[in-house]
Amino acid sequence: MEFFLTALGLVFFLEGLPYLACPERMKRWLEEILRLPSAQLRMLGAALMVLGLLLVFLGRRHGVR
């Protein structure tokens, strides 16, 4: 559970960073996202999930034991 909370906290930190650093640009990016077709967003989401799982796998496999 501790690892999960640490990972979740890191996700929240990284997700919030662009909004703090460049809020105007984030607004423009979000407007662009709203224009994308749902199918394209699904594919992007699926690709990001696979990439995330791959990174977790590699990190756990080659991490400090």
Foldseek 3Di string as FASTA:
>chain_A
DVVVVVVVVVVVVVVCVCCVVPVVVVVVVVVVVVPDDPVVVVVVVVVVVVVVVVVVVVCVVPDDD
